[in-house]
Amino acid sequence: MIKLEGSFVAMPTPFTADDKIDFNGFETLINRQIKYGTSQIFILGSAGETTLLSVEEKKAIVKEVVAMTRGKIPVFFGAASTTTDGAIEMAKYCEEQGADGVIFTVPPYVLVSQHAALNHLDACMSSIGIPCGIYNNPSRLGVHLTPETIKTLSDKHPHFVLDKEAMGDCSQLVQVQAQCQGKVKIMCCDFPKYSIVIPTLALGGTGTANIGGNIIPEESAHYSRPWTSMQIMEECRKEYTHWFPLLKMLYTFSNPVCIKAALDILGLPGGHLRRPYEPFTGKGRDELERLMGEMGVIDKYGVR
């Protein structure tokens, strides 16, 4: 089932009004992704407020989401932790529960050396046998994984299959693609400040690991297709350019603040944020709602 191409949506964690995990909300949001052509989903990433969840909550999410997605859509889970042992524990749990794959990061806030990052990821990948990937996001994690580190891991671990890139440097994409020769699939974030969607696909990347698909899932799936024809290339360029203003609004604040505001505008579950996040209110939210209305998002996806 795992394509590792097209739209790989990084989903938020829906909470109830009393701050509990909303599993019914999870099912609603996941079924929506399936309906509109998302290729795979990513749970417990930065958009999922993973640093604000307890280990017990993360494990409950893994168990429940695997049960509700099995045979329907591939799901990867974030196994990030501030310690190597913590990441290994989470990855092993995901494997035991039947997850399709896991995503590792360097430990957040620790600011390790490149050598330490390599050893951390090597230990994590060695602990499991299911497909795994990395999330290279130096602006959020403080450490940039070099193409050489990624190639070393690729050479050693056959199940290392995905590089989710989130940095504004196209030379990173070129070098990873050249050194790993397509074995590790590159799927970039859709952060407008970096604007690497088009370069990623042009260089042979297979899709986007995005947050825009939470709000416009069908459109994100359309412009995230790998470039296998000139027609797809032209359609991607036109579609992505059209939706660029909405993506800019969705990244006004760090994920998942604006995603959750947009879900709330559509009448979908997931709008509640955990502290210390604060809701997107005032003129910013009004502008988001206006733009979603003008672009037809509310008419197409609203459930109220």
C-alpha atoms as a PDB file:
ATOM      1  CA  MET A   1       0.000   0.000   0.000  1.00  0.00           C
ATOM      2  CA  ILE A   2       2.868   2.397   0.652  1.00  0.00           C
ATOM      3  CA  LYS A   3       3.426   4.624  -2.380  1.00  0.00           C
ATOM      4  CA  LEU A   4       5.584   7.324  -0.792  1.00  0.00           C
ATOM      5  CA  GLU A   5       4.400   9.682  -3.464  1.00  0.00           C
ATOM      6  CA  GLY A   6       1.774  12.358  -3.850  1.00  0.00           C
ATOM      7  CA  SER A   7       0.290  14.041  -0.806  1.00  0.00           C
ATOM      8  CA  PHE A   8       1.609  12.917   2.585  1.00  0.00           C
ATOM      9  CA  VAL A   9      -0.495  14.959   5.017  1.00  0.00           C
ATOM     10  CA  ALA A  10       0.901  15.826   8.452  1.00  0.00           C
ATOM     11  CA  MET A  11      -2.226  15.822  10.575  1.00  0.00           C
ATOM     12  CA  PRO A  12      -3.058  17.688  13.775  1.00  0.00           C
ATOM     13  CA  THR A  13      -4.122  15.960  16.966  1.00  0.00           C
ATOM     14  CA  PRO A  14      -7.787  16.748  17.661  1.00  0.00           C
ATOM     15  CA  PHE A  15      -8.653  17.484  21.272  1.00  0.00           C
ATOM     16  CA  THR A  16     -11.993  17.724  23.001  1.00  0.00           C
ATOM     17  CA  ALA A  17     -12.985  20.934  24.799  1.00  0.00           C
ATOM     18  CA  ASP A  18     -11.716  19.404  28.072  1.00  0.00           C
ATOM     19  CA  ASP A  19      -8.279  18.709  26.495  1.00  0.00           C
ATOM     20  CA  LYS A  20      -8.621  14.961  25.953  1.00  0.00           C
ATOM     21  CA  ILE A  21      -7.678  13.134  22.746  1.00  0.00           C
ATOM     22  CA  ASP A  22     -10.675  13.234  20.399  1.00  0.00           C
ATOM     23  CA  PHE A  23     -10.547   9.814  18.728  1.00  0.00           C
ATOM     24  CA  ASN A  24     -13.873  10.313  16.979  1.00  0.00           C
ATOM     25  CA  GLY A  25     -12.428  13.520  15.586  1.00  0.00           C
ATOM     26  CA  PHE A  26      -9.353  11.627  14.417  1.00  0.00           C
ATOM     27  CA  GLU A  27     -11.546   9.190  12.510  1.00  0.00           C
ATOM     28  CA  THR A  28     -13.514  12.007  10.883  1.00  0.00           C
ATOM     29  CA  LEU A  29     -10.361  13.779   9.735  1.00  0.00           C
ATOM     30  CA  ILE A  30      -8.697  10.580   8.514  1.00  0.00           C
ATOM     31  CA  ASN A  31     -11.755   9.461   6.542  1.00  0.00           C
ATOM     32  CA  ARG A  32     -11.761  12.893   4.906  1.00  0.00           C
ATOM     33  CA  GLN A  33      -8.166  12.380   3.773  1.00  0.00           C
ATOM     34  CA  ILE A  34      -9.042   8.995   2.297  1.00  0.00           C
ATOM     35  CA  LYS A  35     -12.054  10.450   0.483  1.00  0.00           C
ATOM     36  CA  TYR A  36     -10.058  13.179  -1.247  1.00  0.00           C
ATOM     37  CA  GLY A  37      -7.095  11.178  -2.510  1.00  0.00           C
ATOM     38  CA  THR A  38      -4.341  11.647   0.068  1.00  0.00           C
ATOM     39  CA  SER A  39      -1.686   8.956  -0.461  1.00  0.00           C
ATOM     40  CA  GLN A  40      -0.536   8.566   3.143  1.00  0.00           C
ATOM     41  CA  ILE A  41      -0.816  10.378   6.472  1.00  0.00           C
ATOM     42  CA  PHE A  42       1.649  11.371   9.163  1.00  0.00           C
ATOM     43  CA  ILE A  43       0.577  11.393  12.800  1.00  0.00           C
ATOM     44  CA  LEU A  44       2.496  12.797  15.801  1.00  0.00           C
ATOM     45  CA  GLY A  45       4.599  15.282  13.893  1.00  0.00           C
ATOM     46  CA  SER A  46       5.069  18.937  14.817  1.00  0.00           C
ATOM     47  CA  ALA A  47       1.591  19.672  13.435  1.00  0.00           C
ATOM     48  CA  GLY A  48       0.285  17.054  15.879  1.00  0.00           C
ATOM     49  CA  GLU A  49       1.503  18.984  18.943  1.00  0.00           C
ATOM     50  CA  THR A  50       3.629  15.958  19.736  1.00  0.00           C
ATOM     51  CA  THR A  51       5.800  17.768  22.297  1.00  0.00           C
ATOM     52  CA  LEU A  52       2.645  18.568  24.285  1.00  0.00           C
ATOM     53  CA  LEU A  53       1.531  14.938  24.513  1.00  0.00           C
ATOM     54  CA  SER A  54       2.487  12.440  27.200  1.00  0.00           C
ATOM     55  CA  VAL A  55       4.060   9.125  26.206  1.00  0.00           C
ATOM     56  CA  GLU A  56       0.845   7.382  27.268  1.00  0.00           C
ATOM     57  CA  GLU A  57      -1.218   9.654  25.029  1.00  0.00           C
ATOM     58  CA  LYS A  58       1.090   9.056  22.077  1.00  0.00           C
ATOM     59  CA  LYS A  59       0.823   5.300  22.508  1.00  0.00           C
ATOM     60  CA  ALA A  60      -2.968   5.500  22.763  1.00  0.00           C
ATOM     61  CA  ILE A  61      -3.047   7.506  19.528  1.00  0.00           C
ATOM     62  CA  VAL A  62      -0.841   4.952  17.755  1.00  0.00           C
ATOM     63  CA  LYS A  63      -3.015   2.038  18.873  1.00  0.00           C
ATOM     64  CA  GLU A  64      -6.322   3.674  17.938  1.00  0.00           C
ATOM     65  CA  VAL A  65      -5.188   5.212  14.649  1.00  0.00           C
ATOM     66  CA  VAL A  66      -3.616   1.959  13.424  1.00  0.00           C
ATOM     67  CA  ALA A  67      -6.922   0.209  14.113  1.00  0.00           C
ATOM     68  CA  MET A  68      -8.967   2.801  12.219  1.00  0.00           C
ATOM     69  CA  THR A  69      -6.615   3.024   9.194  1.00  0.00           C
ATOM     70  CA  ARG A  70      -5.567  -0.589   8.632  1.00  0.00           C
ATOM     71  CA  GLY A  71      -6.174  -1.526   5.001  1.00  0.00           C
ATOM     72  CA  LYS A  72      -7.436   1.971   4.167  1.00  0.00           C
ATOM     73  CA  ILE A  73      -4.463   4.326   4.035  1.00  0.00           C
ATOM     74  CA  PRO A  74      -0.776   3.998   5.023  1.00  0.00           C
ATOM     75  CA  VAL A  75       0.089   5.817   8.231  1.00  0.00           C
ATOM     76  CA  PHE A  76       3.495   6.829   9.576  1.00  0.00           C
ATOM     77  CA  PHE A  77       3.987   8.039  13.149  1.00  0.00           C
ATOM     78  CA  GLY A  78       6.530  10.439  14.570  1.00  0.00           C
ATOM     79  CA  ALA A  79       8.972   8.753  16.948  1.00  0.00           C
ATOM     80  CA  ALA A  80      10.788  11.916  18.005  1.00  0.00           C
ATOM     81  CA  SER A  81      12.108  12.146  21.537  1.00  0.00           C
ATOM     82  CA  THR A  82      14.676  14.167  23.447  1.00  0.00           C
ATOM     83  CA  THR A  83      16.571  10.924  24.052  1.00  0.00           C
ATOM     84  CA  THR A  84      17.677   8.102  21.785  1.00  0.00           C
ATOM     85  CA  ASP A  85      16.186   5.516  24.128  1.00  0.00           C
ATOM     86  CA  GLY A  86      12.871   7.348  24.094  1.00  0.00           C
ATOM     87  CA  ALA A  87      12.767   7.400  20.290  1.00  0.00           C
ATOM     88  CA  ILE A  88      13.617   3.691  20.134  1.00  0.00           C
ATOM     89  CA  GLU A  89      10.895   2.844  22.652  1.00  0.00           C
ATOM     90  CA  MET A  90       8.304   4.744  20.642  1.00  0.00           C
ATOM     91  CA  ALA A  91       9.421   3.273  17.318  1.00  0.00           C
ATOM     92  CA  LYS A  92       9.279  -0.269  18.676  1.00  0.00           C
ATOM     93  CA  TYR A  93       5.795   0.355  20.028  1.00  0.00           C
ATOM     94  CA  CYS A  94       4.646   1.624  16.628  1.00  0.00           C
ATOM     95  CA  GLU A  95       6.048  -1.492  14.972  1.00  0.00           C
ATOM     96  CA  GLU A  96       4.375  -3.778  17.503  1.00  0.00           C
ATOM     97  CA  GLN A  97       1.022  -2.098  16.908  1.00  0.00           C
ATOM     98  CA  GLY A  98       1.233  -2.531  13.133  1.00  0.00           C
ATOM     99  CA  ALA A  99       2.192   0.949  11.961  1.00  0.00           C
ATOM    100  CA  ASP A 100       3.211   1.230   8.318  1.00  0.00           C
ATOM    101  CA  GLY A 101       6.254   3.299   9.214  1.00  0.00           C
ATOM    102  CA  VAL A 102       7.860   5.818  11.557  1.00  0.00           C
ATOM    103  CA  ILE A 103       9.636   9.140  11.167  1.00  0.00           C
ATOM    104  CA  PHE A 104      12.712  10.027  13.220  1.00  0.00           C
ATOM    105  CA  THR A 105      14.247  13.412  13.964  1.00  0.00           C
ATOM    106  CA  VAL A 106      17.352  14.545  15.738  1.00  0.00           C
ATOM    107  CA  PRO A 107      16.455  15.139  19.395  1.00  0.00           C
ATOM    108  CA  PRO A 108      14.790  18.558  19.653  1.00  0.00           C
ATOM    109  CA  TYR A 109      16.441  21.265  21.774  1.00  0.00           C
ATOM    110  CA  VAL A 110      19.594  19.188  22.390  1.00  0.00           C
ATOM    111  CA  LEU A 111      21.654  20.663  19.500  1.00  0.00           C
ATOM    112  CA  VAL A 112      23.867  17.638  18.938  1.00  0.00           C
ATOM    113  CA  SER A 113      26.841  17.429  16.574  1.00  0.00           C
ATOM    114  CA  GLN A 114      26.496  15.880  13.107  1.00  0.00           C
ATOM    115  CA  HIS A 115      28.318  12.767  14.330  1.00  0.00           C
ATOM    116  CA  ALA A 116      25.970  12.439  17.293  1.00  0.00           C
ATOM    117  CA  ALA A 117      22.960  12.958  15.020  1.00  0.00           C
ATOM    118  CA  LEU A 118      24.194  10.161  12.750  1.00  0.00           C
ATOM    119  CA  ASN A 119      24.692   7.793  15.686  1.00  0.00           C
ATOM    120  CA  HIS A 120      21.262   8.668  17.085  1.00  0.00           C
ATOM    121  CA  LEU A 121      19.476   7.967  13.812  1.00  0.00           C
ATOM    122  CA  ASP A 122      21.541   4.851  13.176  1.00  0.00           C
ATOM    123  CA  ALA A 123      20.525   3.437  16.570  1.00  0.00           C
ATOM    124  CA  CYS A 124      16.881   4.328  15.966  1.00  0.00           C
ATOM    125  CA  MET A 125      16.772   2.729  12.516  1.00  0.00           C
ATOM    126  CA  SER A 126      18.592  -0.361  13.763  1.00  0.00           C
ATOM    127  CA  SER A 127      15.900  -0.957  16.389  1.00  0.00           C
ATOM    128  CA  ILE A 128      13.041  -1.657  13.942  1.00  0.00           C
ATOM    129  CA  GLY A 129      12.315  -3.415  10.672  1.00  0.00           C
ATOM    130  CA  ILE A 130       9.398  -1.378   9.307  1.00  0.00           C
ATOM    131  CA  PRO A 131       9.872   1.461   6.808  1.00  0.00           C
ATOM    132  CA  CYS A 132      11.279   4.620   8.349  1.00  0.00           C
ATOM    133  CA  GLY A 133      12.169   8.139   7.379  1.00  0.00           C
ATOM    134  CA  ILE A 134      13.742  11.296   8.711  1.00  0.00           C
ATOM    135  CA  TYR A 135      12.403  14.802   9.139  1.00  0.00           C
ATOM    136  CA  ASN A 136      15.138  17.305   8.358  1.00  0.00           C
ATOM    137  CA  ASN A 137      13.923  20.592   9.833  1.00  0.00           C
ATOM    138  CA  PRO A 138      16.864  22.620  11.160  1.00  0.00           C
ATOM    139  CA  SER A 139      14.761  25.721  11.876  1.00  0.00           C
ATOM    140  CA  ARG A 140      12.670  23.775  14.374  1.00  0.00           C
ATOM    141  CA  LEU A 141      15.209  21.224  15.615  1.00  0.00           C
ATOM    142  CA  GLY A 142      18.425  23.237  15.512  1.00  0.00           C
ATOM    143  CA  VAL A 143      20.481  20.670  13.569  1.00  0.00           C
ATOM    144  CA  HIS A 144      20.819  20.278   9.798  1.00  0.00           C
ATOM    145  CA  LEU A 145      21.237  16.715   8.557  1.00  0.00           C
ATOM    146  CA  THR A 146      23.762  16.866   5.742  1.00  0.00           C
ATOM    147  CA  PRO A 147      23.410  14.889   2.488  1.00  0.00           C
ATOM    148  CA  GLU A 148      26.466  12.863   3.542  1.00  0.00           C
ATOM    149  CA  THR A 149      24.744  11.810   6.779  1.00  0.00           C
ATOM    150  CA  ILE A 150      21.599  10.885   4.872  1.00  0.00           C
ATOM    151  CA  LYS A 151      23.598   8.823   2.359  1.00  0.00           C
ATOM    152  CA  THR A 152      25.443   6.982   5.139  1.00  0.00           C
ATOM    153  CA  LEU A 153      22.133   6.006   6.705  1.00  0.00           C
ATOM    154  CA  SER A 154      20.708   5.043   3.318  1.00  0.00           C
ATOM    155  CA  ASP A 155      23.651   2.769   2.549  1.00  0.00           C
ATOM    156  CA  LYS A 156      23.284   0.941   5.854  1.00  0.00           C
ATOM    157  CA  HIS A 157      19.514   0.701   6.283  1.00  0.00           C
ATOM    158  CA  PRO A 158      17.397  -0.717   3.421  1.00  0.00           C
ATOM    159  CA  HIS A 159      14.191   0.247   5.233  1.00  0.00           C
ATOM    160  CA  PHE A 160      15.188   3.932   5.362  1.00  0.00           C
ATOM    161  CA  VAL A 161      12.941   5.099   2.551  1.00  0.00           C
ATOM    162  CA  LEU A 162      11.848   8.692   3.157  1.00  0.00           C
ATOM    163  CA  ASP A 163      13.513  12.068   3.589  1.00  0.00           C
ATOM    164  CA  LYS A 164      11.054  14.789   4.584  1.00  0.00           C
ATOM    165  CA  GLU A 165      12.899  18.022   3.834  1.00  0.00           C
ATOM    166  CA  ALA A 166      12.019  21.355   5.421  1.00  0.00           C
ATOM    167  CA  MET A 167      14.731  23.853   4.630  1.00  0.00           C
ATOM    168  CA  GLY A 168      15.154  26.631   2.116  1.00  0.00           C
ATOM    169  CA  ASP A 169      18.184  25.278   0.289  1.00  0.00           C
ATOM    170  CA  CYS A 170      17.679  23.558  -3.050  1.00  0.00           C
ATOM    171  CA  SER A 171      21.272  22.315  -3.037  1.00  0.00           C
ATOM    172  CA  GLN A 172      20.226  19.946  -0.243  1.00  0.00           C
ATOM    173  CA  LEU A 173      17.609  18.430  -2.540  1.00  0.00           C
ATOM    174  CA  VAL A 174      20.079  18.090  -5.415  1.00  0.00           C
ATOM    175  CA  GLN A 175      22.713  16.382  -3.282  1.00  0.00           C
ATOM    176  CA  VAL A 176      20.345  13.969  -1.529  1.00  0.00           C
ATOM    177  CA  GLN A 177      18.786  12.974  -4.851  1.00  0.00           C
ATOM    178  CA  ALA A 178      22.201  12.487  -6.469  1.00  0.00           C
ATOM    179  CA  GLN A 179      23.841  10.625  -3.592  1.00  0.00           C
ATOM    180  CA  CYS A 180      20.922   8.361  -2.697  1.00  0.00           C
ATOM    181  CA  GLN A 181      19.930   7.837  -6.355  1.00  0.00           C
ATOM    182  CA  GLY A 182      16.230   7.743  -5.603  1.00  0.00           C
ATOM    183  CA  LYS A 183      16.407   4.990  -2.971  1.00  0.00           C
ATOM    184  CA  VAL A 184      15.331   7.503  -0.338  1.00  0.00           C
ATOM    185  CA  LYS A 185      12.226   9.289  -1.556  1.00  0.00           C
ATOM    186  CA  ILE A 186      12.277  13.055  -1.065  1.00  0.00           C
ATOM    187  CA  MET A 187       8.999  14.643   0.021  1.00  0.00           C
ATOM    188  CA  CYS A 188       9.237  18.313   0.960  1.00  0.00           C
ATOM    189  CA  CYS A 189       7.216  20.512   3.275  1.00  0.00           C
ATOM    190  CA  ASP A 190       4.910  23.151   1.790  1.00  0.00           C
ATOM    191  CA  PHE A 191       6.206  26.112   3.825  1.00  0.00           C
ATOM    192  CA  PRO A 192       5.812  29.094   1.444  1.00  0.00           C
ATOM    193  CA  LYS A 193       8.891  30.873   2.797  1.00  0.00           C
ATOM    194  CA  TYR A 194      11.010  27.986   1.467  1.00  0.00           C
ATOM    195  CA  SER A 195       8.853  27.362  -1.630  1.00  0.00           C
ATOM    196  CA  ILE A 196      10.581  24.079  -2.444  1.00  0.00           C
ATOM    197  CA  VAL A 197       7.548  22.175  -3.734  1.00  0.00           C
ATOM    198  CA  ILE A 198       8.277  22.878  -7.400  1.00  0.00           C
ATOM    199  CA  PRO A 199      12.068  22.375  -7.083  1.00  0.00           C
ATOM    200  CA  THR A 200      11.566  19.098  -5.199  1.00  0.00           C
ATOM    201  CA  LEU A 201       9.278  17.652  -7.846  1.00  0.00           C
ATOM    202  CA  ALA A 202      11.470  18.985 -10.659  1.00  0.00           C
ATOM    203  CA  LEU A 203      14.522  17.211  -9.200  1.00  0.00           C
ATOM    204  CA  GLY A 204      12.764  13.865  -8.913  1.00  0.00           C
ATOM    205  CA  GLY A 205      11.124  14.171  -5.514  1.00  0.00           C
ATOM    206  CA  THR A 206       7.983  12.088  -5.243  1.00  0.00           C
ATOM    207  CA  GLY A 207       5.594  14.420  -3.448  1.00  0.00           C
ATOM    208  CA  THR A 208       4.967  16.719  -0.528  1.00  0.00           C
ATOM    209  CA  ALA A 209       4.793  16.077   3.199  1.00  0.00           C
ATOM    210  CA  ASN A 210       2.380  18.892   3.799  1.00  0.00           C
ATOM    211  CA  ILE A 211      -0.018  20.640   6.145  1.00  0.00           C
ATOM    212  CA  GLY A 212      -2.077  22.291   3.390  1.00  0.00           C
ATOM    213  CA  GLY A 213      -3.767  18.963   2.732  1.00  0.00           C
ATOM    214  CA  ASN A 214      -5.554  19.260   6.055  1.00  0.00           C
ATOM    215  CA  ILE A 215      -7.623  22.068   4.546  1.00  0.00           C
ATOM    216  CA  ILE A 216      -7.525  21.445   0.780  1.00  0.00           C
ATOM    217  CA  PRO A 217      -6.852  17.698   0.577  1.00  0.00           C
ATOM    218  CA  GLU A 218      -7.944  17.108  -3.010  1.00  0.00           C
ATOM    219  CA  GLU A 219      -6.011  20.095  -4.353  1.00  0.00           C
ATOM    220  CA  SER A 220      -2.882  19.167  -2.388  1.00  0.00           C
ATOM    221  CA  ALA A 221      -3.067  15.641  -3.759  1.00  0.00           C
ATOM    222  CA  HIS A 222      -3.291  17.068  -7.274  1.00  0.00           C
ATOM    223  CA  TYR A 223      -0.247  19.357  -7.120  1.00  0.00           C
ATOM    224  CA  SER A 224       1.815  16.845  -5.123  1.00  0.00           C
ATOM    225  CA  ARG A 225       1.965  14.207  -7.860  1.00  0.00           C
ATOM    226  CA  PRO A 226       5.450  13.228  -9.082  1.00  0.00           C
ATOM    227  CA  TRP A 227       6.291  14.692 -12.456  1.00  0.00           C
ATOM    228  CA  THR A 228       5.856  11.768 -14.834  1.00  0.00           C
ATOM    229  CA  SER A 229       4.565  13.873 -17.748  1.00  0.00           C
ATOM    230  CA  MET A 230       4.593  17.420 -19.044  1.00  0.00           C
ATOM    231  CA  GLN A 231       0.860  17.630 -18.395  1.00  0.00           C
ATOM    232  CA  ILE A 232       1.308  16.817 -14.700  1.00  0.00           C
ATOM    233  CA  MET A 233       4.121  19.373 -14.496  1.00  0.00           C
ATOM    234  CA  GLU A 234       1.972  22.127 -15.999  1.00  0.00           C
ATOM    235  CA  GLU A 235      -1.021  21.242 -13.816  1.00  0.00           C
ATOM    236  CA  CYS A 236       1.162  21.233 -10.706  1.00  0.00           C
ATOM    237  CA  ARG A 237       2.624  24.637 -11.466  1.00  0.00           C
ATOM    238  CA  LYS A 238      -0.807  26.152 -12.103  1.00  0.00           C
ATOM    239  CA  GLU A 239      -2.491  24.555  -9.075  1.00  0.00           C
ATOM    240  CA  TYR A 240       0.302  25.240  -6.604  1.00  0.00           C
ATOM    241  CA  THR A 241       0.576  28.874  -7.677  1.00  0.00           C
ATOM    242  CA  HIS A 242      -3.185  29.288  -7.314  1.00  0.00           C
ATOM    243  CA  TRP A 243      -3.233  27.970  -3.739  1.00  0.00           C
ATOM    244  CA  PHE A 244      -0.036  29.715  -2.626  1.00  0.00           C
ATOM    245  CA  PRO A 245      -1.893  32.606  -0.875  1.00  0.00           C
ATOM    246  CA  LEU A 246      -3.829  30.150   1.282  1.00  0.00           C
ATOM    247  CA  LEU A 247      -0.661  28.270   2.196  1.00  0.00           C
ATOM    248  CA  LYS A 248       0.897  31.567   3.275  1.00  0.00           C
ATOM    249  CA  MET A 249      -2.066  32.193   5.589  1.00  0.00           C
ATOM    250  CA  LEU A 250      -1.854  28.675   7.028  1.00  0.00           C
ATOM    251  CA  TYR A 251       1.769  29.348   7.991  1.00  0.00           C
ATOM    252  CA  THR A 252       1.118  32.717   9.657  1.00  0.00           C
ATOM    253  CA  PHE A 253       2.057  31.067  12.961  1.00  0.00           C
ATOM    254  CA  SER A 254       3.829  27.829  13.781  1.00  0.00           C
ATOM    255  CA  ASN A 255       1.911  24.634  13.113  1.00  0.00           C
ATOM    256  CA  PRO A 256      -0.761  23.762  14.035  1.00  0.00           C
ATOM    257  CA  VAL A 257      -2.234  27.111  15.115  1.00  0.00           C
ATOM    258  CA  CYS A 258      -3.652  28.216  11.756  1.00  0.00           C
ATOM    259  CA  ILE A 259      -4.495  24.689  10.609  1.00  0.00           C
ATOM    260  CA  LYS A 260      -6.744  24.263  13.611  1.00  0.00           C
ATOM    261  CA  ALA A 261      -8.356  27.647  13.048  1.00  0.00           C
ATOM    262  CA  ALA A 262      -9.110  26.662   9.447  1.00  0.00           C
ATOM    263  CA  LEU A 263     -10.560  23.309  10.536  1.00  0.00           C
ATOM    264  CA  ASP A 264     -12.789  25.171  12.976  1.00  0.00           C
ATOM    265  CA  ILE A 265     -13.922  27.549  10.228  1.00  0.00           C
ATOM    266  CA  LEU A 266     -14.927  24.495   8.172  1.00  0.00           C
ATOM    267  CA  GLY A 267     -16.836  23.015  11.105  1.00  0.00           C
ATOM    268  CA  LEU A 268     -14.447  20.066  11.374  1.00  0.00           C
ATOM    269  CA  PRO A 269     -13.023  18.629  14.607  1.00  0.00           C
ATOM    270  CA  GLY A 270      -9.562  19.571  15.778  1.00  0.00           C
ATOM    271  CA  GLY A 271      -9.854  23.274  16.512  1.00  0.00           C
ATOM    272  CA  HIS A 272      -8.831  23.154  20.179  1.00  0.00           C
ATOM    273  CA  LEU A 273      -5.148  23.868  20.969  1.00  0.00           C
ATOM    274  CA  ARG A 274      -3.124  22.801  23.982  1.00  0.00           C
ATOM    275  CA  ARG A 275      -1.399  25.411  26.074  1.00  0.00           C
ATOM    276  CA  PRO A 276       0.918  27.223  25.678  1.00  0.00           C
ATOM    277  CA  TYR A 277      -0.445  27.591  22.117  1.00  0.00           C
ATOM    278  CA  GLU A 278      -3.080  30.275  21.784  1.00  0.00           C
ATOM    279  CA  PRO A 279      -5.907  30.243  19.232  1.00  0.00           C
ATOM    280  CA  PHE A 280      -5.696  32.250  16.008  1.00  0.00           C
ATOM    281  CA  THR A 281      -8.153  35.093  16.613  1.00  0.00           C
ATOM    282  CA  GLY A 282      -8.918  38.663  15.591  1.00  0.00           C
ATOM    283  CA  LYS A 283      -8.065  40.165  12.220  1.00  0.00           C
ATOM    284  CA  GLY A 284      -5.815  37.263  11.271  1.00  0.00           C
ATOM    285  CA  ARG A 285      -8.566  34.692  11.638  1.00  0.00           C
ATOM    286  CA  ASP A 286     -11.032  36.985   9.876  1.00  0.00           C
ATOM    287  CA  GLU A 287      -8.619  37.277   6.941  1.00  0.00           C
ATOM    288  CA  LEU A 288      -8.157  33.495   6.863  1.00  0.00           C
ATOM    289  CA  GLU A 289     -11.912  32.949   6.774  1.00  0.00           C
ATOM    290  CA  ARG A 290     -12.336  35.596   4.074  1.00  0.00           C
ATOM    291  CA  LEU A 291      -9.664  33.997   1.901  1.00  0.00           C
ATOM    292  CA  MET A 292     -11.085  30.505   2.392  1.00  0.00           C
ATOM    293  CA  GLY A 293     -14.476  31.842   1.360  1.00  0.00           C
ATOM    294  CA  GLU A 294     -13.206  33.650  -1.723  1.00  0.00           C
ATOM    295  CA  MET A 295     -11.241  30.628  -2.896  1.00  0.00           C
ATOM    296  CA  GLY A 296     -14.225  28.309  -2.561  1.00  0.00           C
ATOM    297  CA  VAL A 297     -12.793  26.243   0.276  1.00  0.00           C
ATOM    298  CA  ILE A 298     -15.748  26.772   2.615  1.00  0.00           C
ATOM    299  CA  ASP A 299     -18.308  25.964  -0.069  1.00  0.00           C
ATOM    300  CA  LYS A 300     -16.495  22.762  -1.001  1.00  0.00           C
ATOM    301  CA  TYR A 301     -15.323  21.495   2.380  1.00  0.00           C
ATOM    302  CA  GLY A 302     -17.478  23.213   5.012  1.00  0.00           C
ATOM    303  CA  VAL A 303     -19.751  20.927   7.020  1.00  0.00           C
ATOM    304  CA  ARG A 304     -21.810  23.516   8.863  1.00  0.00           C
END
